[in-house]
């Protein structure tokens, strides 16, 4: 296995209204909407401009959010199971025990799992299928 991390995947940003956020990023900043779906307890939209992808997250009615607007940084990997194992060998404790498979996200789905960095920042490893 080559490098552990292949590069950035996306940055997750919490938004109060998904459509308003999509309109801002696509109409004002000229991002392209590449994915929009309901997932878990809310709605998400992915917008892209060049190499930057933003995941815009509108929590559902009963979801609570206490940190700032930047929710997480996602890193792209090609074999999430192997990367998870290697990170665990390096002492990383994941926030969930299992990798989440998200079939409605991207044409063939994606898999992801999160852990905390040394200062409490959420980091996601993400494999787009």
N, C-alpha and C. Protein backbone atom coordinates (compact mmCIF):
# COMPACT_ATOMS: atom_id res chain seq x y z
N UNK A 1 0.86 -1.18 0.00
CA UNK A 1 0.00 0.00 0.00
C UNK A 1 0.89 1.23 0.00
N UNK A 2 0.62 2.19 -0.87
CA UNK A 2 1.41 3.40 -0.97
C UNK A 2 1.14 4.35 0.18
N UNK A 3 0.91 5.58 -0.16
CA UNK A 3 0.63 6.60 0.84
C UNK A 3 -0.66 6.27 1.59
N UNK A 4 -0.69 6.66 2.86
CA UNK A 4 -1.86 6.42 3.69
C UNK A 4 -3.05 7.27 3.23
N UNK A 5 -2.81 8.55 2.97
CA UNK A 5 -3.86 9.49 2.58
C UNK A 5 -3.58 9.96 1.16
N UNK A 6 -4.61 10.01 0.32
CA UNK A 6 -4.45 10.42 -1.07
C UNK A 6 -4.61 11.92 -1.28
N UNK A 7 -5.11 12.64 -0.29
CA UNK A 7 -5.32 14.08 -0.43
C UNK A 7 -6.65 14.47 0.18
N UNK A 8 -7.04 15.72 -0.01
CA UNK A 8 -8.32 16.16 0.56
C UNK A 8 -9.49 15.53 -0.16
N UNK A 9 -10.57 15.28 0.58
CA UNK A 9 -11.82 14.80 -0.02
C UNK A 9 -12.82 15.95 -0.02
N UNK A 10 -13.10 16.52 1.15
CA UNK A 10 -14.01 17.65 1.26
C UNK A 10 -13.93 18.26 2.64
N UNK A 11 -14.55 19.44 2.81
CA UNK A 11 -14.70 20.09 4.11
C UNK A 11 -16.20 20.18 4.38
N UNK A 12 -16.63 19.70 5.54
CA UNK A 12 -18.04 19.74 5.91
C UNK A 12 -18.37 21.02 6.64
N UNK A 13 -19.41 21.72 6.19
CA UNK A 13 -19.83 22.99 6.79
C UNK A 13 -21.30 22.87 7.19
N UNK A 14 -21.60 23.21 8.43
CA UNK A 14 -22.97 23.21 8.91
C UNK A 14 -23.67 24.46 8.40
N UNK A 15 -24.90 24.29 7.87
CA UNK A 15 -25.66 25.42 7.34
C UNK A 15 -27.06 25.40 7.92
N UNK A 16 -27.69 26.57 8.00
CA UNK A 16 -29.04 26.67 8.53
C UNK A 16 -30.10 26.29 7.52
N UNK A 17 -29.82 26.51 6.23
CA UNK A 17 -30.77 26.18 5.17
C UNK A 17 -29.97 25.72 3.96
N UNK A 18 -30.16 24.47 3.58
CA UNK A 18 -29.34 23.88 2.51
C UNK A 18 -29.52 24.62 1.19
N UNK A 19 -30.75 24.94 0.82
CA UNK A 19 -30.97 25.60 -0.48
C UNK A 19 -30.32 26.97 -0.53
N UNK A 20 -30.38 27.72 0.56
CA UNK A 20 -29.73 29.03 0.60
C UNK A 20 -28.23 28.88 0.43
N UNK A 21 -27.65 27.87 1.10
CA UNK A 21 -26.20 27.64 0.99
C UNK A 21 -25.83 27.22 -0.43
N UNK A 22 -26.61 26.31 -1.02
CA UNK A 22 -26.33 25.89 -2.40
C UNK A 22 -26.42 27.08 -3.34
N UNK A 23 -27.47 27.91 -3.18
CA UNK A 23 -27.62 29.09 -4.04
C UNK A 23 -26.41 30.02 -3.91
N UNK A 24 -25.95 30.24 -2.69
CA UNK A 24 -24.79 31.12 -2.49
C UNK A 24 -23.55 30.57 -3.18
N UNK A 25 -23.24 29.31 -2.91
CA UNK A 25 -22.00 28.75 -3.46
C UNK A 25 -22.06 28.58 -4.97
N UNK A 26 -23.25 28.25 -5.52
CA UNK A 26 -23.32 28.04 -6.97
C UNK A 26 -23.51 29.36 -7.72
N UNK A 27 -24.37 30.23 -7.25
CA UNK A 27 -24.68 31.47 -7.98
C UNK A 27 -23.67 32.58 -7.74
N UNK A 28 -23.16 32.69 -6.53
CA UNK A 28 -22.23 33.78 -6.21
C UNK A 28 -20.79 33.36 -6.43
N UNK A 29 -20.41 32.19 -5.92
CA UNK A 29 -19.01 31.77 -5.98
C UNK A 29 -18.72 30.79 -7.12
N UNK A 30 -19.73 30.48 -7.92
CA UNK A 30 -19.59 29.65 -9.12
C UNK A 30 -19.11 28.23 -8.85
N UNK A 31 -19.55 27.66 -7.72
CA UNK A 31 -19.35 26.24 -7.47
C UNK A 31 -20.38 25.50 -8.31
N UNK A 32 -20.15 24.21 -8.51
CA UNK A 32 -21.10 23.36 -9.22
C UNK A 32 -21.71 22.38 -8.22
N UNK A 33 -23.02 22.24 -8.23
CA UNK A 33 -23.68 21.26 -7.38
C UNK A 33 -23.42 19.88 -7.97
N UNK A 34 -22.77 19.00 -7.18
CA UNK A 34 -22.44 17.68 -7.70
C UNK A 34 -23.25 16.57 -7.04
N UNK A 35 -23.90 16.86 -5.91
CA UNK A 35 -24.68 15.84 -5.22
C UNK A 35 -25.58 16.52 -4.20
N UNK A 36 -26.79 16.03 -4.07
CA UNK A 36 -27.72 16.52 -3.04
C UNK A 36 -28.59 15.35 -2.62
N UNK A 37 -28.71 15.13 -1.30
CA UNK A 37 -29.50 14.01 -0.82
C UNK A 37 -29.86 14.19 0.65
N UNK A 38 -30.86 13.44 1.08
CA UNK A 38 -31.17 13.33 2.50
C UNK A 38 -30.32 12.20 3.04
N UNK A 39 -29.76 12.39 4.23
CA UNK A 39 -28.90 11.36 4.80
C UNK A 39 -28.90 11.49 6.31
N UNK A 40 -29.04 10.37 6.97
CA UNK A 40 -29.09 10.31 8.43
C UNK A 40 -30.16 11.27 8.94
N UNK A 41 -29.77 12.28 9.71
CA UNK A 41 -30.75 13.16 10.35
C UNK A 41 -30.74 14.55 9.72
N UNK A 42 -30.75 14.63 8.41
CA UNK A 42 -30.75 15.93 7.77
C UNK A 42 -30.60 15.82 6.27
N UNK A 43 -30.09 16.88 5.68
CA UNK A 43 -29.90 16.95 4.24
C UNK A 43 -28.48 17.44 3.96
N UNK A 44 -27.89 16.95 2.88
CA UNK A 44 -26.55 17.39 2.51
C UNK A 44 -26.48 17.69 1.03
N UNK A 45 -25.58 18.60 0.70
CA UNK A 45 -25.29 18.92 -0.69
C UNK A 45 -23.79 19.06 -0.84
N UNK A 46 -23.25 18.52 -1.91
CA UNK A 46 -21.83 18.67 -2.20
C UNK A 46 -21.70 19.65 -3.36
N UNK A 47 -20.86 20.68 -3.19
CA UNK A 47 -20.58 21.63 -4.25
C UNK A 47 -19.08 21.63 -4.49
N UNK A 48 -18.69 21.87 -5.75
CA UNK A 48 -17.27 21.79 -6.11
C UNK A 48 -16.87 22.97 -6.97
N UNK A 49 -15.66 23.47 -6.70
CA UNK A 49 -15.04 24.49 -7.53
C UNK A 49 -13.58 24.11 -7.64
N UNK A 50 -13.15 23.70 -8.82
CA UNK A 50 -11.78 23.22 -8.98
C UNK A 50 -11.58 21.99 -8.11
N UNK A 51 -10.51 21.97 -7.33
CA UNK A 51 -10.20 20.84 -6.47
C UNK A 51 -10.86 20.90 -5.10
N UNK A 52 -11.65 21.96 -4.83
CA UNK A 52 -12.28 22.11 -3.51
C UNK A 52 -13.72 21.62 -3.55
N UNK A 53 -14.03 20.66 -2.68
CA UNK A 53 -15.39 20.18 -2.51
C UNK A 53 -15.85 20.54 -1.11
N UNK A 54 -17.03 21.14 -1.01
CA UNK A 54 -17.65 21.45 0.28
C UNK A 54 -18.86 20.56 0.46
N UNK A 55 -18.99 19.98 1.65
CA UNK A 55 -20.19 19.24 2.01
C UNK A 55 -21.03 20.17 2.88
N UNK A 56 -22.15 20.61 2.37
CA UNK A 56 -23.04 21.51 3.09
C UNK A 56 -24.05 20.66 3.84
N UNK A 57 -24.09 20.79 5.16
CA UNK A 57 -24.90 19.90 6.01
C UNK A 57 -25.97 20.72 6.71
N UNK A 58 -27.23 20.41 6.42
CA UNK A 58 -28.34 21.01 7.15
C UNK A 58 -28.90 19.96 8.09
N UNK A 59 -28.66 20.14 9.41
CA UNK A 59 -29.16 19.13 10.36
C UNK A 59 -30.68 19.06 10.32
N UNK A 60 -31.21 17.87 10.65
CA UNK A 60 -32.66 17.69 10.71
C UNK A 60 -33.26 18.44 11.88
N UNK A 61 -34.56 18.38 11.97
CA UNK A 61 -35.32 19.13 12.97
C UNK A 61 -34.86 18.85 14.39
N UNK A 62 -34.51 17.60 14.70
CA UNK A 62 -34.18 17.25 16.07
C UNK A 62 -32.69 17.09 16.32
N UNK A 63 -31.89 17.35 15.29
CA UNK A 63 -30.44 17.24 15.46
C UNK A 63 -29.91 18.46 16.19
N UNK A 64 -28.90 18.25 16.99
CA UNK A 64 -28.27 19.38 17.68
C UNK A 64 -26.84 19.50 17.21
N UNK A 65 -26.35 20.71 17.19
CA UNK A 65 -24.99 21.00 16.75
C UNK A 65 -24.43 22.03 17.69
N UNK A 66 -23.31 21.72 18.32
CA UNK A 66 -22.76 22.65 19.29
C UNK A 66 -21.41 23.23 18.89
N UNK A 67 -20.69 22.63 17.94
CA UNK A 67 -19.41 23.22 17.55
C UNK A 67 -19.65 24.29 16.50
N UNK A 68 -18.58 24.79 15.92
CA UNK A 68 -18.65 25.86 14.94
C UNK A 68 -19.18 25.39 13.60
N UNK A 69 -19.19 26.31 12.62
CA UNK A 69 -19.75 25.96 11.32
C UNK A 69 -18.93 24.95 10.52
N UNK A 70 -17.62 24.89 10.73
CA UNK A 70 -16.83 23.85 10.05
C UNK A 70 -16.95 22.60 10.89
N UNK A 71 -17.60 21.59 10.32
CA UNK A 71 -17.90 20.38 11.08
C UNK A 71 -16.76 19.36 11.03
N UNK A 72 -16.13 19.20 9.86
CA UNK A 72 -15.07 18.19 9.75
C UNK A 72 -14.25 18.42 8.49
N UNK A 73 -13.09 17.81 8.48
CA UNK A 73 -12.23 17.77 7.30
C UNK A 73 -12.18 16.32 6.86
N UNK A 74 -12.47 16.06 5.59
CA UNK A 74 -12.47 14.69 5.07
C UNK A 74 -11.25 14.47 4.18
N UNK A 75 -10.62 13.33 4.37
CA UNK A 75 -9.44 12.97 3.60
C UNK A 75 -9.77 11.77 2.72
N UNK A 76 -9.35 11.84 1.46
CA UNK A 76 -9.65 10.82 0.48
C UNK A 76 -8.71 9.63 0.64
N UNK A 77 -9.27 8.43 0.64
CA UNK A 77 -8.47 7.20 0.69
C UNK A 77 -9.01 6.24 -0.36
N UNK A 78 -8.20 5.27 -0.77
CA UNK A 78 -8.62 4.30 -1.78
C UNK A 78 -9.03 2.95 -1.18
N UNK A 79 -8.59 2.64 0.02
CA UNK A 79 -8.97 1.38 0.66
C UNK A 79 -9.21 1.68 2.14
N UNK A 80 -10.43 2.09 2.45
CA UNK A 80 -10.74 2.59 3.78
C UNK A 80 -10.51 1.55 4.87
N UNK A 81 -10.77 0.29 4.59
CA UNK A 81 -10.57 -0.75 5.60
C UNK A 81 -9.09 -0.85 5.99
N UNK A 82 -8.20 -0.85 5.00
CA UNK A 82 -6.77 -0.92 5.29
C UNK A 82 -6.28 0.33 6.01
N UNK A 83 -6.76 1.50 5.57
CA UNK A 83 -6.33 2.75 6.22
C UNK A 83 -6.82 2.78 7.66
N UNK A 84 -8.06 2.35 7.91
CA UNK A 84 -8.59 2.30 9.28
C UNK A 84 -7.70 1.40 10.15
N UNK A 85 -7.35 0.25 9.65
CA UNK A 85 -6.50 -0.68 10.40
C UNK A 85 -5.14 -0.04 10.71
N UNK A 86 -4.53 0.58 9.71
CA UNK A 86 -3.22 1.22 9.92
C UNK A 86 -3.30 2.35 10.94
N UNK A 87 -4.38 3.13 10.89
CA UNK A 87 -4.53 4.21 11.86
C UNK A 87 -4.76 3.67 13.27
N UNK A 88 -5.53 2.60 13.38
CA UNK A 88 -5.73 1.97 14.69
C UNK A 88 -4.40 1.46 15.25
N UNK A 89 -3.55 0.91 14.38
CA UNK A 89 -2.22 0.46 14.81
C UNK A 89 -1.37 1.63 15.32
N UNK A 90 -1.69 2.84 14.87
CA UNK A 90 -0.98 4.04 15.30
C UNK A 90 -1.66 4.72 16.49
N UNK A 91 -2.66 4.06 17.06
CA UNK A 91 -3.30 4.58 18.26
C UNK A 91 -4.56 5.39 18.05
N UNK A 92 -5.04 5.49 16.84
CA UNK A 92 -6.25 6.26 16.58
C UNK A 92 -7.47 5.49 17.07
N UNK A 93 -8.33 6.19 17.80
CA UNK A 93 -9.62 5.65 18.26
C UNK A 93 -10.71 6.32 17.44
N UNK A 94 -11.50 5.54 16.72
CA UNK A 94 -12.54 6.09 15.87
C UNK A 94 -13.79 6.39 16.67
N UNK A 95 -14.58 7.37 16.21
CA UNK A 95 -15.79 7.78 16.91
C UNK A 95 -16.88 6.71 16.81
N UNK A 96 -16.87 5.92 15.75
CA UNK A 96 -17.78 4.79 15.59
C UNK A 96 -16.94 3.53 15.45
N UNK A 97 -17.51 2.40 15.82
CA UNK A 97 -16.78 1.14 15.68
C UNK A 97 -16.70 0.68 14.23
N UNK A 98 -17.77 0.94 13.47
CA UNK A 98 -17.85 0.43 12.11
C UNK A 98 -17.78 1.57 11.10
N UNK A 99 -17.30 1.26 9.93
CA UNK A 99 -17.30 2.18 8.80
C UNK A 99 -18.74 2.32 8.31
N UNK A 100 -19.16 3.56 8.04
CA UNK A 100 -20.50 3.81 7.52
C UNK A 100 -20.50 3.71 6.00
N UNK A 101 -21.43 2.95 5.46
CA UNK A 101 -21.63 2.87 4.02
C UNK A 101 -22.82 3.76 3.69
N UNK A 102 -22.64 4.69 2.77
CA UNK A 102 -23.68 5.63 2.41
C UNK A 102 -24.05 5.48 0.93
N UNK A 103 -24.97 4.58 0.61
CA UNK A 103 -25.31 4.35 -0.79
C UNK A 103 -25.90 5.55 -1.52
N UNK A 104 -26.63 6.47 -0.84
CA UNK A 104 -27.22 7.56 -1.62
C UNK A 104 -26.24 8.70 -1.93
N UNK A 105 -25.02 8.60 -1.44
CA UNK A 105 -24.06 9.69 -1.64
C UNK A 105 -23.11 9.31 -2.76
N UNK A 106 -23.09 10.10 -3.82
CA UNK A 106 -22.33 9.88 -5.04
C UNK A 106 -22.92 8.69 -5.80
N UNK A 107 -22.66 8.59 -7.10
CA UNK A 107 -23.34 7.58 -7.92
C UNK A 107 -23.23 6.15 -7.41
N UNK A 108 -22.08 5.76 -6.89
CA UNK A 108 -21.90 4.39 -6.41
C UNK A 108 -21.79 4.30 -4.90
N UNK A 109 -22.10 5.38 -4.21
CA UNK A 109 -22.02 5.40 -2.75
C UNK A 109 -20.64 5.78 -2.26
N UNK A 110 -20.52 5.86 -0.95
CA UNK A 110 -19.23 6.14 -0.32
C UNK A 110 -19.18 5.46 1.04
N UNK A 111 -17.98 5.35 1.57
CA UNK A 111 -17.77 4.80 2.91
C UNK A 111 -16.94 5.81 3.69
N UNK A 112 -17.25 5.96 4.98
CA UNK A 112 -16.49 6.91 5.78
C UNK A 112 -16.53 6.53 7.25
N UNK A 113 -15.57 7.08 7.98
CA UNK A 113 -15.51 6.94 9.43
C UNK A 113 -14.71 8.11 9.96
N UNK A 114 -15.01 8.57 11.18
CA UNK A 114 -14.37 9.76 11.74
C UNK A 114 -13.59 9.45 13.01
N UNK A 115 -12.62 10.31 13.25
CA UNK A 115 -11.86 10.28 14.50
C UNK A 115 -11.51 11.71 14.86
N UNK A 116 -10.97 11.91 16.05
CA UNK A 116 -10.60 13.25 16.50
C UNK A 116 -9.10 13.46 16.38
N UNK A 117 -8.74 14.66 15.95
CA UNK A 117 -7.34 15.06 15.93
C UNK A 117 -6.90 15.45 17.33
N UNK A 118 -5.66 15.88 17.50
CA UNK A 118 -5.12 16.15 18.83
C UNK A 118 -5.78 17.30 19.57
N UNK A 119 -6.52 18.17 18.86
CA UNK A 119 -7.17 19.29 19.51
C UNK A 119 -8.69 19.19 19.43
N UNK A 120 -9.18 17.98 19.17
CA UNK A 120 -10.62 17.75 19.12
C UNK A 120 -11.25 17.98 17.76
N UNK A 121 -10.46 18.31 16.74
CA UNK A 121 -11.01 18.52 15.41
C UNK A 121 -11.44 17.18 14.82
N UNK A 122 -12.61 17.18 14.16
CA UNK A 122 -13.11 15.95 13.56
C UNK A 122 -12.45 15.75 12.20
N UNK A 123 -11.92 14.54 11.99
CA UNK A 123 -11.28 14.17 10.74
C UNK A 123 -11.99 12.93 10.21
N UNK A 124 -12.35 12.98 8.96
CA UNK A 124 -13.04 11.85 8.32
C UNK A 124 -12.12 11.25 7.27
N UNK A 125 -12.04 9.92 7.23
CA UNK A 125 -11.45 9.28 6.07
C UNK A 125 -12.61 8.81 5.21
N UNK A 126 -12.51 9.01 3.90
CA UNK A 126 -13.63 8.85 3.00
C UNK A 126 -13.18 8.15 1.73
N UNK A 127 -13.93 7.11 1.36
CA UNK A 127 -13.68 6.41 0.11
C UNK A 127 -14.93 6.52 -0.76
N UNK A 128 -14.82 7.22 -1.88
CA UNK A 128 -15.91 7.28 -2.84
C UNK A 128 -15.83 6.04 -3.71
N UNK A 129 -16.93 5.32 -3.81
CA UNK A 129 -16.95 4.04 -4.53
C UNK A 129 -17.25 4.22 -6.01
